[in-house]
Amino acid sequence: MPAASPFEVEILVQAEDIDELGHVNNTVYLRWVQDAAVAHWTKIAPAEAREHLRWVVIRHEIDYRAPARAGETVIARTWVGSAKGLQFERRTEILRAADRRLLARARTLWCPIDAETDRPRRVSPEVRSLFSAG
């Protein structure tokens, strides 16, 4: 899978995802953004990298476009962006599966950390090429 290729995860909206306004709570969208990134990492990262690296979010930006409701299926569509030093950009869109309507769009900056020390850690050229575009 090329680095910039979108990776998609289907998610069924659960009753507990709904807030007092009757639609998915904004914190749930952030959880989906993170879950999609983790699923993408788990699917394509080399085993050694999965063993020795973890990722932490250093910034989230999210724009909400339309609500999702209980019982709907949504798609978390994510792909990697640029990387500078220890900051790796990732883009995510949350789409309603039935009509592919954009519900939310996010930009997240991630930092790789050492699994043992919890300190920022440089990644191998292989991981950099898999998780950054350009």
C-alpha atoms as a PDB file:
ATOM      1  CA  MET A   1       0.000   0.000   0.000  1.00  0.00           C
ATOM      2  CA  PRO A   2       1.593   3.327  -1.025  1.00  0.00           C
ATOM      3  CA  ALA A   3       2.039   5.822   1.811  1.00  0.00           C
ATOM      4  CA  ALA A   4      -0.565   8.321   0.623  1.00  0.00           C
ATOM      5  CA  SER A   5      -3.225   5.728  -0.273  1.00  0.00           C
ATOM      6  CA  PRO A   6      -6.366   6.141   1.833  1.00  0.00           C
ATOM      7  CA  PHE A   7      -7.095   3.422   4.374  1.00  0.00           C
ATOM      8  CA  GLU A   8     -10.728   2.907   5.352  1.00  0.00           C
ATOM      9  CA  VAL A   9     -12.464   1.453   8.396  1.00  0.00           C
ATOM     10  CA  GLU A  10     -16.233   1.006   8.683  1.00  0.00           C
ATOM     11  CA  ILE A  11     -17.813   1.905  12.021  1.00  0.00           C
ATOM     12  CA  LEU A  12     -21.357   1.304  13.230  1.00  0.00           C
ATOM     13  CA  VAL A  13     -22.599   4.250  15.288  1.00  0.00           C
ATOM     14  CA  GLN A  14     -23.606   2.967  18.727  1.00  0.00           C
ATOM     15  CA  ALA A  15     -26.259   4.362  21.070  1.00  0.00           C
ATOM     16  CA  GLU A  16     -23.533   5.373  23.563  1.00  0.00           C
ATOM     17  CA  ASP A  17     -21.933   7.563  20.855  1.00  0.00           C
ATOM     18  CA  ILE A  18     -24.965   9.872  20.874  1.00  0.00           C
ATOM     19  CA  ASP A  19     -25.115  13.059  22.943  1.00  0.00           C
ATOM     20  CA  GLU A  20     -28.052  15.057  24.330  1.00  0.00           C
ATOM     21  CA  LEU A  21     -28.504  16.722  20.917  1.00  0.00           C
ATOM     22  CA  GLY A  22     -29.329  13.362  19.312  1.00  0.00           C
ATOM     23  CA  HIS A  23     -26.189  12.977  17.205  1.00  0.00           C
ATOM     24  CA  VAL A  24     -22.651  11.665  17.581  1.00  0.00           C
ATOM     25  CA  ASN A  25     -20.694  13.566  20.225  1.00  0.00           C
ATOM     26  CA  ASN A  26     -17.618  15.457  19.031  1.00  0.00           C
ATOM     27  CA  THR A  27     -15.315  13.398  21.273  1.00  0.00           C
ATOM     28  CA  VAL A  28     -16.441  10.241  19.488  1.00  0.00           C
ATOM     29  CA  TYR A  29     -15.223  11.641  16.169  1.00  0.00           C
ATOM     30  CA  LEU A  30     -11.795  12.117  17.747  1.00  0.00           C
ATOM     31  CA  ARG A  31     -11.863   8.523  18.976  1.00  0.00           C
ATOM     32  CA  TRP A  32     -12.655   7.369  15.438  1.00  0.00           C
ATOM     33  CA  VAL A  33      -9.784   9.464  14.057  1.00  0.00           C
ATOM     34  CA  GLN A  34      -7.407   7.799  16.485  1.00  0.00           C
ATOM     35  CA  ASP A  35      -8.847   4.306  15.964  1.00  0.00           C
ATOM     36  CA  ALA A  36      -8.437   4.613  12.185  1.00  0.00           C
ATOM     37  CA  ALA A  37      -4.810   5.730  12.570  1.00  0.00           C
ATOM     38  CA  VAL A  38      -4.050   2.819  14.900  1.00  0.00           C
ATOM     39  CA  ALA A  39      -5.719   0.330  12.550  1.00  0.00           C
ATOM     40  CA  HIS A  40      -3.695   1.698   9.617  1.00  0.00           C
ATOM     41  CA  TRP A  41      -0.438   1.505  11.627  1.00  0.00           C
ATOM     42  CA  THR A  42      -1.232  -2.055  12.738  1.00  0.00           C
ATOM     43  CA  LYS A  43      -2.008  -3.175   9.199  1.00  0.00           C
ATOM     44  CA  ILE A  44       1.065  -1.860   7.370  1.00  0.00           C
ATOM     45  CA  ALA A  45       3.848  -1.197   9.887  1.00  0.00           C
ATOM     46  CA  PRO A  46       6.686  -3.732  10.055  1.00  0.00           C
ATOM     47  CA  ALA A  47       6.498  -6.041  13.095  1.00  0.00           C
ATOM     48  CA  GLU A  48       9.701  -4.651  14.600  1.00  0.00           C
ATOM     49  CA  ALA A  49       8.380  -1.096  14.386  1.00  0.00           C
ATOM     50  CA  ARG A  50       5.076  -2.126  16.011  1.00  0.00           C
ATOM     51  CA  GLU A  51       7.070  -3.682  18.848  1.00  0.00           C
ATOM     52  CA  HIS A  52       9.413  -0.741  19.506  1.00  0.00           C
ATOM     53  CA  LEU A  53       7.382   2.356  18.587  1.00  0.00           C
ATOM     54  CA  ARG A  54       4.258   4.018  19.906  1.00  0.00           C
ATOM     55  CA  TRP A  55       2.619   7.212  18.688  1.00  0.00           C
ATOM     56  CA  VAL A  56       1.241  10.143  20.632  1.00  0.00           C
ATOM     57  CA  VAL A  57      -0.968  12.923  19.355  1.00  0.00           C
ATOM     58  CA  ILE A  58       0.512  16.380  19.650  1.00  0.00           C
ATOM     59  CA  ARG A  59      -2.261  18.252  17.810  1.00  0.00           C
ATOM     60  CA  HIS A  60      -5.793  17.631  16.516  1.00  0.00           C
ATOM     61  CA  GLU A  61      -7.739  19.943  14.219  1.00  0.00           C
ATOM     62  CA  ILE A  62     -11.246  18.878  13.295  1.00  0.00           C
ATOM     63  CA  ASP A  63     -14.033  20.463  11.281  1.00  0.00           C
ATOM     64  CA  TYR A  64     -17.550  19.106  11.670  1.00  0.00           C
ATOM     65  CA  ARG A  65     -19.760  19.236   8.571  1.00  0.00           C
ATOM     66  CA  ALA A  66     -22.858  17.112   9.280  1.00  0.00           C
ATOM     67  CA  PRO A  67     -24.184  14.893  12.083  1.00  0.00           C
ATOM     68  CA  ALA A  68     -24.121  11.108  12.316  1.00  0.00           C
ATOM     69  CA  ARG A  69     -26.858   9.278  14.172  1.00  0.00           C
ATOM     70  CA  ALA A  70     -27.274   5.972  15.992  1.00  0.00           C
ATOM     71  CA  GLY A  71     -27.516   2.953  13.725  1.00  0.00           C
ATOM     72  CA  GLU A  72     -25.742   4.591  10.793  1.00  0.00           C
ATOM     73  CA  THR A  73     -22.524   3.200   9.413  1.00  0.00           C
ATOM     74  CA  VAL A  74     -19.694   5.646   8.899  1.00  0.00           C
ATOM     75  CA  ILE A  75     -16.326   5.280   7.218  1.00  0.00           C
ATOM     76  CA  ALA A  76     -13.156   6.618   8.775  1.00  0.00           C
ATOM     77  CA  ARG A  77     -10.906   7.299   5.778  1.00  0.00           C
ATOM     78  CA  THR A  78      -7.310   8.159   6.659  1.00  0.00           C
ATOM     79  CA  TRP A  79      -4.025   8.784   4.878  1.00  0.00           C
ATOM     80  CA  VAL A  80      -0.597  10.116   5.785  1.00  0.00           C
ATOM     81  CA  GLY A  81       0.657  13.576   5.014  1.00  0.00           C
ATOM     82  CA  SER A  82       4.026  15.227   5.356  1.00  0.00           C
ATOM     83  CA  ALA A  83       6.611  14.598   8.057  1.00  0.00           C
ATOM     84  CA  LYS A  84       9.070  17.087   9.507  1.00  0.00           C
ATOM     85  CA  GLY A  85      11.513  15.785  12.081  1.00  0.00           C
ATOM     86  CA  LEU A  86       9.401  14.017  14.698  1.00  0.00           C
ATOM     87  CA  GLN A  87       6.048  15.438  13.545  1.00  0.00           C
ATOM     88  CA  PHE A  88       4.005  13.180  11.264  1.00  0.00           C
ATOM     89  CA  GLU A  89       0.829  14.561   9.718  1.00  0.00           C
ATOM     90  CA  ARG A  90      -2.231  12.406   9.123  1.00  0.00           C
ATOM     91  CA  ARG A  91      -5.514  13.370   7.474  1.00  0.00           C
ATOM     92  CA  THR A  92      -8.853  11.736   8.207  1.00  0.00           C
ATOM     93  CA  GLU A  93     -12.350  12.101   6.838  1.00  0.00           C
ATOM     94  CA  ILE A  94     -15.448  10.653   8.448  1.00  0.00           C
ATOM     95  CA  LEU A  95     -18.044   9.833   5.791  1.00  0.00           C
ATOM     96  CA  ARG A  96     -21.590   8.489   6.030  1.00  0.00           C
ATOM     97  CA  ALA A  97     -21.372   5.097   4.333  1.00  0.00           C
ATOM     98  CA  ALA A  98     -24.824   5.268   2.720  1.00  0.00           C
ATOM     99  CA  ASP A  99     -24.109   8.366   0.631  1.00  0.00           C
ATOM    100  CA  ARG A 100     -20.381   9.089   1.279  1.00  0.00           C
ATOM    101  CA  ARG A 101     -21.364  12.512   2.637  1.00  0.00           C
ATOM    102  CA  LEU A 102     -18.520  14.210   4.492  1.00  0.00           C
ATOM    103  CA  LEU A 103     -19.359  14.415   8.202  1.00  0.00           C
ATOM    104  CA  ALA A 104     -16.016  15.567   9.587  1.00  0.00           C
ATOM    105  CA  ARG A 105     -12.479  16.278   8.416  1.00  0.00           C
ATOM    106  CA  ALA A 106      -9.427  16.105  10.691  1.00  0.00           C
ATOM    107  CA  ARG A 107      -5.718  16.864  10.608  1.00  0.00           C
ATOM    108  CA  THR A 108      -3.596  15.271  13.315  1.00  0.00           C
ATOM    109  CA  LEU A 109       0.086  15.595  14.150  1.00  0.00           C
ATOM    110  CA  TRP A 110       1.670  12.512  15.673  1.00  0.00           C
ATOM    111  CA  CYS A 111       5.050  12.012  17.321  1.00  0.00           C
ATOM    112  CA  PRO A 112       6.767   8.598  17.472  1.00  0.00           C
ATOM    113  CA  ILE A 113       7.974   7.541  20.905  1.00  0.00           C
ATOM    114  CA  ASP A 114      10.109   4.678  22.154  1.00  0.00           C
ATOM    115  CA  ALA A 115       7.901   1.917  23.596  1.00  0.00           C
ATOM    116  CA  GLU A 116      10.240   1.400  26.559  1.00  0.00           C
ATOM    117  CA  THR A 117      11.287   4.943  27.475  1.00  0.00           C
ATOM    118  CA  ASP A 118       8.215   6.930  26.345  1.00  0.00           C
ATOM    119  CA  ARG A 119      10.626   9.485  24.860  1.00  0.00           C
ATOM    120  CA  PRO A 120      10.449  10.830  21.295  1.00  0.00           C
ATOM    121  CA  ARG A 121      12.335   8.574  18.899  1.00  0.00           C
ATOM    122  CA  ARG A 122      13.443   8.841  15.290  1.00  0.00           C
ATOM    123  CA  VAL A 123      11.994   6.239  12.950  1.00  0.00           C
ATOM    124  CA  SER A 124      13.680   4.069  10.361  1.00  0.00           C
ATOM    125  CA  PRO A 125      13.703   5.163   6.716  1.00  0.00           C
ATOM    126  CA  GLU A 126      11.217   2.345   6.028  1.00  0.00           C
ATOM    127  CA  VAL A 127       8.718   3.617   8.606  1.00  0.00           C
ATOM    128  CA  ARG A 128       9.222   7.211   7.418  1.00  0.00           C
ATOM    129  CA  SER A 129       8.460   6.157   3.832  1.00  0.00           C
ATOM    130  CA  LEU A 130       5.323   4.258   4.916  1.00  0.00           C
ATOM    131  CA  PHE A 131       3.965   7.012   7.148  1.00  0.00           C
ATOM    132  CA  SER A 132       4.800  10.214   5.312  1.00  0.00           C
ATOM    133  CA  ALA A 133       4.032  11.481   1.840  1.00  0.00           C
ATOM    134  CA  GLY A 134       6.419  13.402  -0.327  1.00  0.00           C
END
